[in-house]
C-alpha cells in the first residue's frame, strides 16, 4: 500500500460510495414512494391496492425448493444430468401460495 496513487485512492472512494448507494437504494425508494403516496392521500403501504406482496415468494406464490434454488438428493442429480434446466418449485407456506396478503393498514381503516 506504499505505492498507491491518487487515482487509485479516488477509485476506491468512488467504488465504496457506489456500493453504499446500491445497498441503500431499496430503502430510499421505499421512503420516497411512501411519501408520494401519503401526499396523494393514498395508503402508504399498498397505494390503495388493499393487498401487499408476500416477502418470502415476492408475490409469485411459489418458492424454489431448498437453499440456493435446488433440493438436495436425487432431484439434484437428475437436474445435473440433463443440463440443470429443471428447478423444482414448492408452494409458499407463508401466504398459502396466493402471493399476497390483505394490507394491514387498509384493514385498520376499514374497521374504524
Protein backbone atom coordinates (compact mmCIF):
# COMPACT_ATOMS: atom_id res chain seq x y z
CA UNK A 1 0.00 0.00 0.00
CA UNK A 2 3.04 2.28 -0.10
CA UNK A 3 2.80 2.88 -3.84
CA UNK A 4 -0.88 3.74 -4.12
CA UNK A 5 -1.62 6.66 -6.42
CA UNK A 6 -4.20 9.37 -6.01
CA UNK A 7 -6.21 7.94 -8.91
CA UNK A 8 -6.37 4.53 -7.26
CA UNK A 9 -7.40 6.08 -3.97
CA UNK A 10 -10.14 8.05 -5.73
CA UNK A 11 -11.27 4.83 -7.45
CA UNK A 12 -11.56 3.07 -4.10
CA UNK A 13 -13.57 6.00 -2.74
CA UNK A 14 -15.95 6.06 -5.69
CA UNK A 15 -16.35 2.27 -5.53
CA UNK A 16 -17.19 2.46 -1.84
CA UNK A 17 -19.70 5.23 -2.49
CA UNK A 18 -21.37 3.20 -5.25
CA UNK A 19 -21.54 0.10 -3.06
CA UNK A 20 -23.19 2.07 -0.25
CA UNK A 21 -25.67 3.63 -2.68
CA UNK A 22 -26.56 0.20 -4.07
CA UNK A 23 -27.20 -1.20 -0.61
CA UNK A 24 -29.29 1.81 0.46
CA UNK A 25 -31.33 2.09 -2.78
CA UNK A 26 -34.29 -0.13 -1.77
CA UNK A 27 -34.81 1.76 1.49
CA UNK A 28 -34.55 5.15 -0.20
CA UNK A 29 -37.04 4.02 -2.86
CA UNK A 30 -39.49 2.76 -0.21
CA UNK A 31 -39.23 6.06 1.67
CA UNK A 32 -39.84 8.16 -1.45
CA UNK A 33 -42.78 6.05 -2.65
CA UNK A 34 -44.40 6.11 0.82
CA UNK A 35 -44.10 9.90 0.97
CA UNK A 36 -45.56 10.26 -2.54
CA UNK A 37 -48.49 8.01 -1.65
CA UNK A 38 -49.05 10.00 1.55
CA UNK A 39 -49.07 13.31 -0.30
CA UNK A 40 -51.66 11.90 -2.74
CA UNK A 41 -53.87 10.73 0.13
CA UNK A 42 -53.29 7.06 -0.58
CA UNK A 43 -52.37 4.24 1.78
CA UNK A 44 -48.63 4.50 2.49
CA UNK A 45 -48.10 0.75 2.39
CA UNK A 46 -50.12 -0.52 -0.59
CA UNK A 47 -51.15 2.57 -2.56
CA UNK A 48 -54.89 1.72 -2.19
CA UNK A 49 -54.48 -1.72 -3.79
CA UNK A 50 -55.61 -3.22 -0.46
CA UNK A 51 -53.02 -6.01 -0.76
CA UNK A 52 -49.26 -6.32 -0.35
CA UNK A 53 -46.90 -8.86 -1.92
CA UNK A 54 -45.57 -11.73 0.17
CA UNK A 55 -42.00 -11.09 1.24
CA UNK A 56 -40.98 -14.75 1.01
CA UNK A 57 -42.12 -15.54 -2.56
CA UNK A 58 -42.09 -11.92 -3.84
CA UNK A 59 -45.74 -12.14 -4.90
CA UNK A 60 -45.39 -15.24 -7.08
CA UNK A 61 -46.84 -17.86 -4.72
CA UNK A 62 -44.05 -20.34 -5.44
CA UNK A 63 -40.66 -20.73 -3.80
CA UNK A 64 -37.77 -22.57 -5.40
CA UNK A 65 -37.01 -25.58 -3.26
CA UNK A 66 -34.03 -25.83 -0.95
CA UNK A 67 -31.10 -23.49 -0.37
CA UNK A 68 -29.70 -21.76 -3.46
CA UNK A 69 -32.74 -22.78 -5.52
CA UNK A 70 -32.33 -26.55 -5.55
CA UNK A 71 -33.26 -29.55 -3.45
CA UNK A 72 -30.50 -31.88 -2.35
CA UNK A 73 -30.87 -35.55 -3.17
CA UNK A 74 -31.99 -37.43 -6.25
CA UNK A 75 -33.60 -34.35 -7.82
CA UNK A 76 -30.22 -32.62 -7.83
CA UNK A 77 -28.54 -35.47 -9.64
CA UNK A 78 -31.35 -35.70 -12.18
CA UNK A 79 -31.22 -31.99 -12.91
CA UNK A 80 -27.43 -32.07 -13.28
CA UNK A 81 -27.74 -34.99 -15.68
CA UNK A 82 -29.93 -33.08 -18.13
CA UNK A 83 -28.06 -29.78 -18.02
CA UNK A 84 -29.52 -28.37 -14.81
CA UNK A 85 -32.59 -26.88 -16.50
CA UNK A 86 -35.10 -28.44 -14.09
CA UNK A 87 -35.73 -26.48 -10.88
CA UNK A 88 -38.48 -27.67 -8.56
CA UNK A 89 -40.80 -25.08 -7.04
CA UNK A 90 -42.94 -25.55 -3.97
CA UNK A 91 -45.97 -23.62 -2.79
CA UNK A 92 -45.17 -20.72 -0.44
CA UNK A 93 -46.26 -21.62 3.07
CA UNK A 94 -46.27 -18.03 4.32
CA UNK A 95 -49.06 -16.82 2.01
CA UNK A 96 -50.62 -20.24 1.19
CA UNK A 97 -49.48 -19.87 -2.46
CA UNK A 98 -51.61 -16.74 -3.03
CA UNK A 99 -48.64 -14.40 -3.36
CA UNK A 100 -50.23 -11.57 -1.41
CA UNK A 101 -51.82 -10.55 1.88
CA UNK A 102 -54.51 -8.05 2.78
CA UNK A 103 -52.96 -4.69 3.64
CA UNK A 104 -52.94 -4.34 7.43
CA UNK A 105 -53.13 -0.54 7.23
CA UNK A 106 -56.21 -0.57 4.98
CA UNK A 107 -57.95 -3.19 7.12
CA UNK A 108 -57.43 -0.97 10.19
CA UNK A 109 -59.02 1.96 8.39
CA UNK A 110 -62.00 -0.13 7.21
CA UNK A 111 -62.75 -1.43 10.71
CA UNK A 112 -62.78 2.07 12.28
